C-alpha cells in the first residue's frame, strides 16, 4: 500500500484528490491548517488516513511538521503539492509583502517539501511528485502577477527536477487546472460565469474529480514513461 502526502487537502480540489486516492487503496496523509475540515471528509477507508496540522506560511512550523511526518511515516512514495494562496492586486498597487507572501507559500514551500521527501524517493528508486499549478500560470491574469509567477515557477522547477531524478525511477509532473467547480467559482455572479463558459470549448466548468482522476493516473504505474509534463485540465480553455 503506497502512501501519499497531500498539501491543501481540505479545499475543493484537495478534498477530491484525498477521497479518490483513499478510495483507490492509497494511505492518504494530509497537511493542513484545519483539522475540523479534515474530519468532515467522508473517506471510504478512514483507517488509512492521517492528518498533520501545519500552517505553510510559518517556516519553523513547516520544518517541525515535516520531521513529525517522516518519523511516523518513514517512506512517502507520492507527494502532491496542492496548497496555494492568493493575494490579488493590480501590479502597480502590489506591495512587496503581497508578492512575497504568495511566492513563499506557493513556490518556496513546494521547494522545501519536495526537497525534504525526495531524498527518500531517491533511496527507494521510485517516486511520484505531482504539483498542482493553474491555467493562469500560462496565460497571465489581471491582478495576479504574484500568483501567476509562483505557478509558472513551479512548472520550471518541476521540469528541471524531472531531468535530475529520472534515472532514479522518479517522475515529476504538473497538473494545470482551469476553472473548476469549487467555492471560488461558485461565488461568481451569473454574468462573469457566462463570460467564462463562453471561452471554454466544452462549455462547462470542470469538476474537482477531473483533477483527481488525472492525479490518479500520474501516480499509477500506467504513467511510468511520462515525466516533466504539464497536464492541462481546462476543457479546452487553453490549448498548449
C-alpha atoms as a PDB file:
ATOM      1  CA  UNK A   1       0.000   0.000   0.000  1.00  0.00           C
ATOM      2  CA  UNK A   2       1.604   3.225  -1.166  1.00  0.00           C
ATOM      3  CA  UNK A   3       1.464   6.349   0.964  1.00  0.00           C
ATOM      4  CA  UNK A   4       0.711   9.772  -0.459  1.00  0.00           C
ATOM      5  CA  UNK A   5       1.265  13.127   1.187  1.00  0.00           C
ATOM      6  CA  UNK A   6      -1.069  15.884   0.076  1.00  0.00           C
ATOM      7  CA  UNK A   7      -0.908  19.567   0.958  1.00  0.00           C
ATOM      8  CA  UNK A   8      -4.051  21.660   0.776  1.00  0.00           C
ATOM      9  CA  UNK A   9      -6.163  18.541   1.171  1.00  0.00           C
ATOM     10  CA  UNK A  10      -9.316  20.082   2.615  1.00  0.00           C
ATOM     11  CA  UNK A  11     -10.261  22.508  -0.182  1.00  0.00           C
ATOM     12  CA  UNK A  12     -12.366  21.665  -3.226  1.00  0.00           C
ATOM     13  CA  UNK A  13      -9.690  20.087  -5.415  1.00  0.00           C
ATOM     14  CA  UNK A  14      -7.654  18.794  -2.483  1.00  0.00           C
ATOM     15  CA  UNK A  15     -10.628  17.055  -0.892  1.00  0.00           C
ATOM     16  CA  UNK A  16     -11.408  15.268  -4.155  1.00  0.00           C
ATOM     17  CA  UNK A  17      -7.798  14.133  -4.513  1.00  0.00           C
ATOM     18  CA  UNK A  18      -7.746  12.903  -0.909  1.00  0.00           C
ATOM     19  CA  UNK A  19     -11.013  10.973  -1.209  1.00  0.00           C
ATOM     20  CA  UNK A  20     -10.191   9.399  -4.580  1.00  0.00           C
ATOM     21  CA  UNK A  21      -6.714   8.243  -3.583  1.00  0.00           C
ATOM     22  CA  UNK A  22      -8.043   6.832  -0.320  1.00  0.00           C
ATOM     23  CA  UNK A  23     -10.836   5.003  -2.170  1.00  0.00           C
ATOM     24  CA  UNK A  24      -8.241   3.518  -4.526  1.00  0.00           C
ATOM     25  CA  UNK A  25      -6.210   1.935  -1.755  1.00  0.00           C
ATOM     26  CA  UNK A  26      -3.621   4.608  -1.025  1.00  0.00           C
ATOM     27  CA  UNK A  27      -2.793   5.570   2.552  1.00  0.00           C
ATOM     28  CA  UNK A  28      -3.609   9.276   2.472  1.00  0.00           C
ATOM     29  CA  UNK A  29      -1.732  11.789   4.619  1.00  0.00           C
ATOM     30  CA  UNK A  30      -2.829  15.415   4.620  1.00  0.00           C
ATOM     31  CA  UNK A  31      -1.034  18.550   5.763  1.00  0.00           C
ATOM     32  CA  UNK A  32      -3.355  21.456   6.526  1.00  0.00           C
ATOM     33  CA  UNK A  33      -4.444  24.118   8.961  1.00  0.00           C
ATOM     34  CA  UNK A  34      -7.982  22.941   9.642  1.00  0.00           C
ATOM     35  CA  UNK A  35      -8.420  19.582  11.386  1.00  0.00           C
ATOM     36  CA  UNK A  36     -12.179  20.122  11.564  1.00  0.00           C
ATOM     37  CA  UNK A  37     -12.456  20.245   7.769  1.00  0.00           C
ATOM     38  CA  UNK A  38     -10.378  17.067   7.549  1.00  0.00           C
ATOM     39  CA  UNK A  39     -12.753  15.326   9.971  1.00  0.00           C
ATOM     40  CA  UNK A  40     -15.686  16.253   7.720  1.00  0.00           C
ATOM     41  CA  UNK A  41     -14.265  14.379   4.705  1.00  0.00           C
ATOM     42  CA  UNK A  42     -16.212  11.199   4.013  1.00  0.00           C
ATOM     43  CA  UNK A  43     -13.293   8.817   3.428  1.00  0.00           C
ATOM     44  CA  UNK A  44     -14.070   5.328   2.182  1.00  0.00           C
ATOM     45  CA  UNK A  45     -11.186   3.949   4.263  1.00  0.00           C
ATOM     46  CA  UNK A  46     -10.761   6.360   7.193  1.00  0.00           C
ATOM     47  CA  UNK A  47      -8.362   3.994   8.948  1.00  0.00           C
ATOM     48  CA  UNK A  48      -5.916   4.644   6.097  1.00  0.00           C
ATOM     49  CA  UNK A  49      -5.687   8.397   6.662  1.00  0.00           C
ATOM     50  CA  UNK A  50      -3.642  10.737   8.801  1.00  0.00           C
ATOM     51  CA  UNK A  51      -3.595  14.491   9.359  1.00  0.00           C
ATOM     52  CA  UNK A  52      -0.823  16.869  10.392  1.00  0.00           C
ATOM     53  CA  UNK A  53      -1.759  20.403  11.360  1.00  0.00           C
ATOM     54  CA  UNK A  54       0.565  22.906   9.711  1.00  0.00           C
ATOM     55  CA  UNK A  55       0.481  26.496   8.508  1.00  0.00           C
ATOM     56  CA  UNK A  56       2.740  26.559   5.459  1.00  0.00           C
ATOM     57  CA  UNK A  57       3.326  30.293   5.843  1.00  0.00           C
ATOM     58  CA  UNK A  58       5.213  29.694   9.124  1.00  0.00           C
ATOM     59  CA  UNK A  59       8.625  28.286   8.195  1.00  0.00           C
ATOM     60  CA  UNK A  60       9.573  26.870  11.613  1.00  0.00           C
ATOM     61  CA  UNK A  61       6.188  25.175  11.898  1.00  0.00           C
ATOM     62  CA  UNK A  62       6.599  23.636   8.462  1.00  0.00           C
ATOM     63  CA  UNK A  63      10.057  22.248   9.260  1.00  0.00           C
ATOM     64  CA  UNK A  64       8.810  20.738  12.526  1.00  0.00           C
ATOM     65  CA  UNK A  65       5.797  19.224  10.768  1.00  0.00           C
ATOM     66  CA  UNK A  66       7.928  17.561   8.105  1.00  0.00           C
ATOM     67  CA  UNK A  67      10.045  15.935  10.804  1.00  0.00           C
ATOM     68  CA  UNK A  68       6.908  14.622  12.548  1.00  0.00           C
ATOM     69  CA  UNK A  69       5.611  13.151   9.309  1.00  0.00           C
ATOM     70  CA  UNK A  70       8.814  11.344   8.388  1.00  0.00           C
ATOM     71  CA  UNK A  71       9.153   9.977  11.925  1.00  0.00           C
ATOM     72  CA  UNK A  72       5.684   8.428  11.764  1.00  0.00           C
ATOM     73  CA  UNK A  73       5.713   7.595   8.043  1.00  0.00           C
ATOM     74  CA  UNK A  74       9.315   6.809   7.016  1.00  0.00           C
ATOM     75  CA  UNK A  75       8.500   6.379   3.336  1.00  0.00           C
ATOM     76  CA  UNK A  76       6.324   8.819   1.404  1.00  0.00           C
ATOM     77  CA  UNK A  77       6.154   7.464  -2.139  1.00  0.00           C
ATOM     78  CA  UNK A  78       3.816  10.013  -3.728  1.00  0.00           C
ATOM     79  CA  UNK A  79       3.861  13.739  -2.993  1.00  0.00           C
ATOM     80  CA  UNK A  80       1.111  16.044  -4.228  1.00  0.00           C
ATOM     81  CA  UNK A  81       1.757  19.755  -3.701  1.00  0.00           C
ATOM     82  CA  UNK A  82      -1.680  21.330  -3.927  1.00  0.00           C
ATOM     83  CA  UNK A  83      -1.704  24.091  -1.302  1.00  0.00           C
ATOM     84  CA  UNK A  84      -1.779  27.666  -2.541  1.00  0.00           C
ATOM     85  CA  UNK A  85      -2.840  31.170  -1.610  1.00  0.00           C
ATOM     86  CA  UNK A  86      -3.794  34.327  -3.479  1.00  0.00           C
ATOM     87  CA  UNK A  87      -3.325  37.979  -2.555  1.00  0.00           C
ATOM     88  CA  UNK A  88      -4.638  39.727  -5.642  1.00  0.00           C
ATOM     89  CA  UNK A  89      -3.760  43.277  -6.549  1.00  0.00           C
ATOM     90  CA  UNK A  90      -3.028  45.266  -9.676  1.00  0.00           C
ATOM     91  CA  UNK A  91       0.729  45.221 -10.149  1.00  0.00           C
ATOM     92  CA  UNK A  92       1.197  48.970  -9.674  1.00  0.00           C
ATOM     93  CA  UNK A  93      -0.566  48.715  -6.324  1.00  0.00           C
ATOM     94  CA  UNK A  94       1.070  45.473  -5.225  1.00  0.00           C
ATOM     95  CA  UNK A  95       3.497  45.852  -2.358  1.00  0.00           C
ATOM     96  CA  UNK A  96       6.443  43.590  -1.651  1.00  0.00           C
ATOM     97  CA  UNK A  97       4.645  41.839   1.199  1.00  0.00           C
ATOM     98  CA  UNK A  98       1.793  40.627  -1.029  1.00  0.00           C
ATOM     99  CA  UNK A  99       4.306  39.482  -3.612  1.00  0.00           C
ATOM    100  CA  UNK A 100       6.470  37.687  -1.066  1.00  0.00           C
ATOM    101  CA  UNK A 101       3.601  36.000   0.798  1.00  0.00           C
ATOM    102  CA  UNK A 102       2.299  34.300  -2.344  1.00  0.00           C
ATOM    103  CA  UNK A 103       5.755  33.325  -3.605  1.00  0.00           C
ATOM    104  CA  UNK A 104       6.651  31.910  -0.179  1.00  0.00           C
ATOM    105  CA  UNK A 105       3.572  29.714   0.243  1.00  0.00           C
ATOM    106  CA  UNK A 106       3.052  28.650  -3.365  1.00  0.00           C
ATOM    107  CA  UNK A 107       6.611  28.279  -4.646  1.00  0.00           C
ATOM    108  CA  UNK A 108       9.080  28.215  -1.776  1.00  0.00           C
ATOM    109  CA  UNK A 109       7.164  25.691   0.342  1.00  0.00           C
ATOM    110  CA  UNK A 110       6.747  23.472  -2.727  1.00  0.00           C
ATOM    111  CA  UNK A 111      10.534  23.508  -2.987  1.00  0.00           C
ATOM    112  CA  UNK A 112      11.017  22.846   0.733  1.00  0.00           C
ATOM    113  CA  UNK A 113       8.537  19.956   0.979  1.00  0.00           C
ATOM    114  CA  UNK A 114       9.701  18.331  -2.249  1.00  0.00           C
ATOM    115  CA  UNK A 115      13.352  18.704  -1.295  1.00  0.00           C
ATOM    116  CA  UNK A 116      12.654  17.051   2.047  1.00  0.00           C
ATOM    117  CA  UNK A 117      10.860  13.940   0.771  1.00  0.00           C
ATOM    118  CA  UNK A 118      12.728  13.485  -2.494  1.00  0.00           C
ATOM    119  CA  UNK A 119      15.706  12.060  -0.630  1.00  0.00           C
ATOM    120  CA  UNK A 120      13.548   9.107   0.431  1.00  0.00           C
ATOM    121  CA  UNK A 121      12.349   8.549  -3.110  1.00  0.00           C
ATOM    122  CA  UNK A 122      15.899   8.570  -4.454  1.00  0.00           C
ATOM    123  CA  UNK A 123      16.931   5.890  -1.942  1.00  0.00           C
ATOM    124  CA  UNK A 124      13.829   3.865  -2.795  1.00  0.00           C
ATOM    125  CA  UNK A 125      14.432   4.343  -6.540  1.00  0.00           C
ATOM    126  CA  UNK A 126      10.744   5.084  -7.090  1.00  0.00           C
ATOM    127  CA  UNK A 127       8.529   8.075  -6.543  1.00  0.00           C
ATOM    128  CA  UNK A 128       5.947  10.455  -7.883  1.00  0.00           C
ATOM    129  CA  UNK A 129       5.780  14.201  -7.379  1.00  0.00           C
ATOM    130  CA  UNK A 130       2.659  15.924  -8.683  1.00  0.00           C
ATOM    131  CA  UNK A 131       2.471  19.702  -8.490  1.00  0.00           C
ATOM    132  CA  UNK A 132      -0.870  21.451  -8.915  1.00  0.00           C
ATOM    133  CA  UNK A 133      -0.422  24.690 -10.840  1.00  0.00           C
ATOM    134  CA  UNK A 134      -3.004  26.790 -12.725  1.00  0.00           C
ATOM    135  CA  UNK A 135      -4.059  27.786 -16.215  1.00  0.00           C
ATOM    136  CA  UNK A 136      -3.289  31.423 -15.369  1.00  0.00           C
ATOM    137  CA  UNK A 137       0.356  30.491 -14.870  1.00  0.00           C
ATOM    138  CA  UNK A 138       0.431  30.057 -18.652  1.00  0.00           C
ATOM    139  CA  UNK A 139      -1.900  32.861 -19.706  1.00  0.00           C
ATOM    140  CA  UNK A 140      -1.374  35.506 -17.036  1.00  0.00           C
ATOM    141  CA  UNK A 141      -4.285  37.160 -15.269  1.00  0.00           C
ATOM    142  CA  UNK A 142      -5.070  40.737 -14.307  1.00  0.00           C
ATOM    143  CA  UNK A 143      -4.310  41.351 -10.637  1.00  0.00           C
ATOM    144  CA  UNK A 144      -2.471  38.072 -10.160  1.00  0.00           C
ATOM    145  CA  UNK A 145       1.134  38.742 -11.146  1.00  0.00           C
ATOM    146  CA  UNK A 146       2.354  37.184  -7.894  1.00  0.00           C
ATOM    147  CA  UNK A 147       0.137  34.092  -8.181  1.00  0.00           C
ATOM    148  CA  UNK A 148       0.947  33.553 -11.871  1.00  0.00           C
ATOM    149  CA  UNK A 149       4.670  33.932 -11.204  1.00  0.00           C
ATOM    150  CA  UNK A 150       4.508  31.378  -8.397  1.00  0.00           C
ATOM    151  CA  UNK A 151       2.654  28.819 -10.508  1.00  0.00           C
ATOM    152  CA  UNK A 152       4.901  29.216 -13.546  1.00  0.00           C
ATOM    153  CA  UNK A 153       7.891  28.983 -11.231  1.00  0.00           C
ATOM    154  CA  UNK A 154       6.658  25.602 -10.044  1.00  0.00           C
ATOM    155  CA  UNK A 155       6.458  24.376 -13.637  1.00  0.00           C
ATOM    156  CA  UNK A 156      10.041  25.434 -14.378  1.00  0.00           C
ATOM    157  CA  UNK A 157      11.254  23.836 -11.164  1.00  0.00           C
ATOM    158  CA  UNK A 158       9.383  20.626 -11.987  1.00  0.00           C
ATOM    159  CA  UNK A 159      10.962  20.330 -15.435  1.00  0.00           C
ATOM    160  CA  UNK A 160      14.457  20.808 -14.038  1.00  0.00           C
ATOM    161  CA  UNK A 161      13.850  18.342 -11.232  1.00  0.00           C
ATOM    162  CA  UNK A 162      12.423  15.773 -13.659  1.00  0.00           C
ATOM    163  CA  UNK A 163      15.733  15.833 -15.530  1.00  0.00           C
ATOM    164  CA  UNK A 164      17.720  15.351 -12.338  1.00  0.00           C
ATOM    165  CA  UNK A 165      15.882  12.347 -10.888  1.00  0.00           C
ATOM    166  CA  UNK A 166      14.581  10.480 -13.948  1.00  0.00           C
ATOM    167  CA  UNK A 167      17.247   7.778 -13.732  1.00  0.00           C
ATOM    168  CA  UNK A 168      16.155   7.051 -10.170  1.00  0.00           C
ATOM    169  CA  UNK A 169      12.703   5.943 -11.266  1.00  0.00           C
ATOM    170  CA  UNK A 170      11.056   9.158 -10.075  1.00  0.00           C
ATOM    171  CA  UNK A 171       8.673  11.191 -12.200  1.00  0.00           C
ATOM    172  CA  UNK A 172       7.815  14.854 -11.668  1.00  0.00           C
ATOM    173  CA  UNK A 173       4.723  16.243 -13.355  1.00  0.00           C
ATOM    174  CA  UNK A 174       2.270  19.105 -13.032  1.00  0.00           C
ATOM    175  CA  UNK A 175      -1.485  19.412 -13.352  1.00  0.00           C
ATOM    176  CA  UNK A 176      -2.742  22.798 -14.500  1.00  0.00           C
ATOM    177  CA  UNK A 177      -6.489  23.118 -13.772  1.00  0.00           C
ATOM    178  CA  UNK A 178      -8.692  25.641 -15.488  1.00  0.00           C
ATOM    179  CA  UNK A 179     -11.994  26.752 -13.973  1.00  0.00           C
ATOM    180  CA  UNK A 180     -13.099  24.046 -11.538  1.00  0.00           C
ATOM    181  CA  UNK A 181     -16.342  23.903  -9.547  1.00  0.00           C
ATOM    182  CA  UNK A 182     -15.088  24.989  -6.120  1.00  0.00           C
ATOM    183  CA  UNK A 183     -16.141  27.661  -3.641  1.00  0.00           C
ATOM    184  CA  UNK A 184     -14.253  30.241  -5.686  1.00  0.00           C
ATOM    185  CA  UNK A 185     -16.163  29.625  -8.922  1.00  0.00           C
ATOM    186  CA  UNK A 186     -19.451  29.015  -7.118  1.00  0.00           C
ATOM    187  CA  UNK A 187     -19.252  32.601  -5.867  1.00  0.00           C
ATOM    188  CA  UNK A 188     -19.104  34.098  -9.362  1.00  0.00           C
ATOM    189  CA  UNK A 189     -22.047  36.204 -10.500  1.00  0.00           C
ATOM    190  CA  UNK A 190     -24.099  34.959 -13.458  1.00  0.00           C
ATOM    191  CA  UNK A 191     -22.582  37.419 -15.933  1.00  0.00           C
ATOM    192  CA  UNK A 192     -18.996  36.522 -15.046  1.00  0.00           C
ATOM    193  CA  UNK A 193     -19.842  32.836 -15.135  1.00  0.00           C
ATOM    194  CA  UNK A 194     -21.326  33.200 -18.619  1.00  0.00           C
ATOM    195  CA  UNK A 195     -18.261  35.056 -19.865  1.00  0.00           C
ATOM    196  CA  UNK A 196     -16.066  32.211 -18.617  1.00  0.00           C
ATOM    197  CA  UNK A 197     -18.265  29.478 -20.087  1.00  0.00           C
ATOM    198  CA  UNK A 198     -18.237  31.205 -23.469  1.00  0.00           C
ATOM    199  CA  UNK A 199     -14.444  30.794 -23.548  1.00  0.00           C
ATOM    200  CA  UNK A 200     -14.464  27.074 -22.697  1.00  0.00           C
ATOM    201  CA  UNK A 201     -14.907  24.861 -25.782  1.00  0.00           C
ATOM    202  CA  UNK A 202     -16.515  22.067 -23.740  1.00  0.00           C
ATOM    203  CA  UNK A 203     -18.996  24.628 -22.444  1.00  0.00           C
ATOM    204  CA  UNK A 204     -18.847  23.711 -18.782  1.00  0.00           C
ATOM    205  CA  UNK A 205     -16.929  24.281 -15.571  1.00  0.00           C
ATOM    206  CA  UNK A 206     -14.761  21.331 -14.584  1.00  0.00           C
ATOM    207  CA  UNK A 207     -15.377  19.129 -11.558  1.00  0.00           C
ATOM    208  CA  UNK A 208     -12.766  18.519  -8.820  1.00  0.00           C
ATOM    209  CA  UNK A 209     -12.854  14.863  -9.852  1.00  0.00           C
ATOM    210  CA  UNK A 210     -11.474  15.832 -13.255  1.00  0.00           C
ATOM    211  CA  UNK A 211      -8.284  16.896 -11.491  1.00  0.00           C
ATOM    212  CA  UNK A 212      -8.134  13.980  -9.057  1.00  0.00           C
ATOM    213  CA  UNK A 213      -8.657  11.468 -11.892  1.00  0.00           C
ATOM    214  CA  UNK A 214      -5.675  12.965 -13.671  1.00  0.00           C
ATOM    215  CA  UNK A 215      -3.605  12.787 -10.469  1.00  0.00           C
ATOM    216  CA  UNK A 216      -4.530   9.108 -10.017  1.00  0.00           C
ATOM    217  CA  UNK A 217      -3.245   8.345 -13.492  1.00  0.00           C
ATOM    218  CA  UNK A 218       0.030  10.207 -12.979  1.00  0.00           C
ATOM    219  CA  UNK A 219       0.580   8.434  -9.656  1.00  0.00           C
ATOM    220  CA  UNK A 220      -0.039   4.992 -11.137  1.00  0.00           C
ATOM    221  CA  UNK A 221       2.313   2.568 -12.853  1.00  0.00           C
ATOM    222  CA  UNK A 222       0.499   3.399 -16.107  1.00  0.00           C
ATOM    223  CA  UNK A 223       2.403   6.704 -16.279  1.00  0.00           C
ATOM    224  CA  UNK A 224       5.912   5.231 -15.994  1.00  0.00           C
ATOM    225  CA  UNK A 225       7.112   6.856 -19.209  1.00  0.00           C
ATOM    226  CA  UNK A 226       5.780  10.346 -18.521  1.00  0.00           C
ATOM    227  CA  UNK A 227       7.822  12.972 -16.708  1.00  0.00           C
ATOM    228  CA  UNK A 228       8.464  16.708 -16.880  1.00  0.00           C
ATOM    229  CA  UNK A 229       4.998  17.309 -18.316  1.00  0.00           C
ATOM    230  CA  UNK A 230       2.074  19.581 -17.504  1.00  0.00           C
ATOM    231  CA  UNK A 231      -1.411  18.121 -17.859  1.00  0.00           C
ATOM    232  CA  UNK A 232      -3.941  20.807 -18.775  1.00  0.00           C
ATOM    233  CA  UNK A 233      -7.338  20.052 -17.256  1.00  0.00           C
ATOM    234  CA  UNK A 234      -9.320  23.013 -18.540  1.00  0.00           C
ATOM    235  CA  UNK A 235     -11.994  21.905 -21.021  1.00  0.00           C
ATOM    236  CA  UNK A 236     -10.012  23.335 -23.915  1.00  0.00           C
ATOM    237  CA  UNK A 237      -9.832  26.846 -22.454  1.00  0.00           C
ATOM    238  CA  UNK A 238      -6.126  26.983 -23.229  1.00  0.00           C
ATOM    239  CA  UNK A 239      -4.559  24.507 -25.640  1.00  0.00           C
ATOM    240  CA  UNK A 240      -0.801  24.297 -25.160  1.00  0.00           C
END
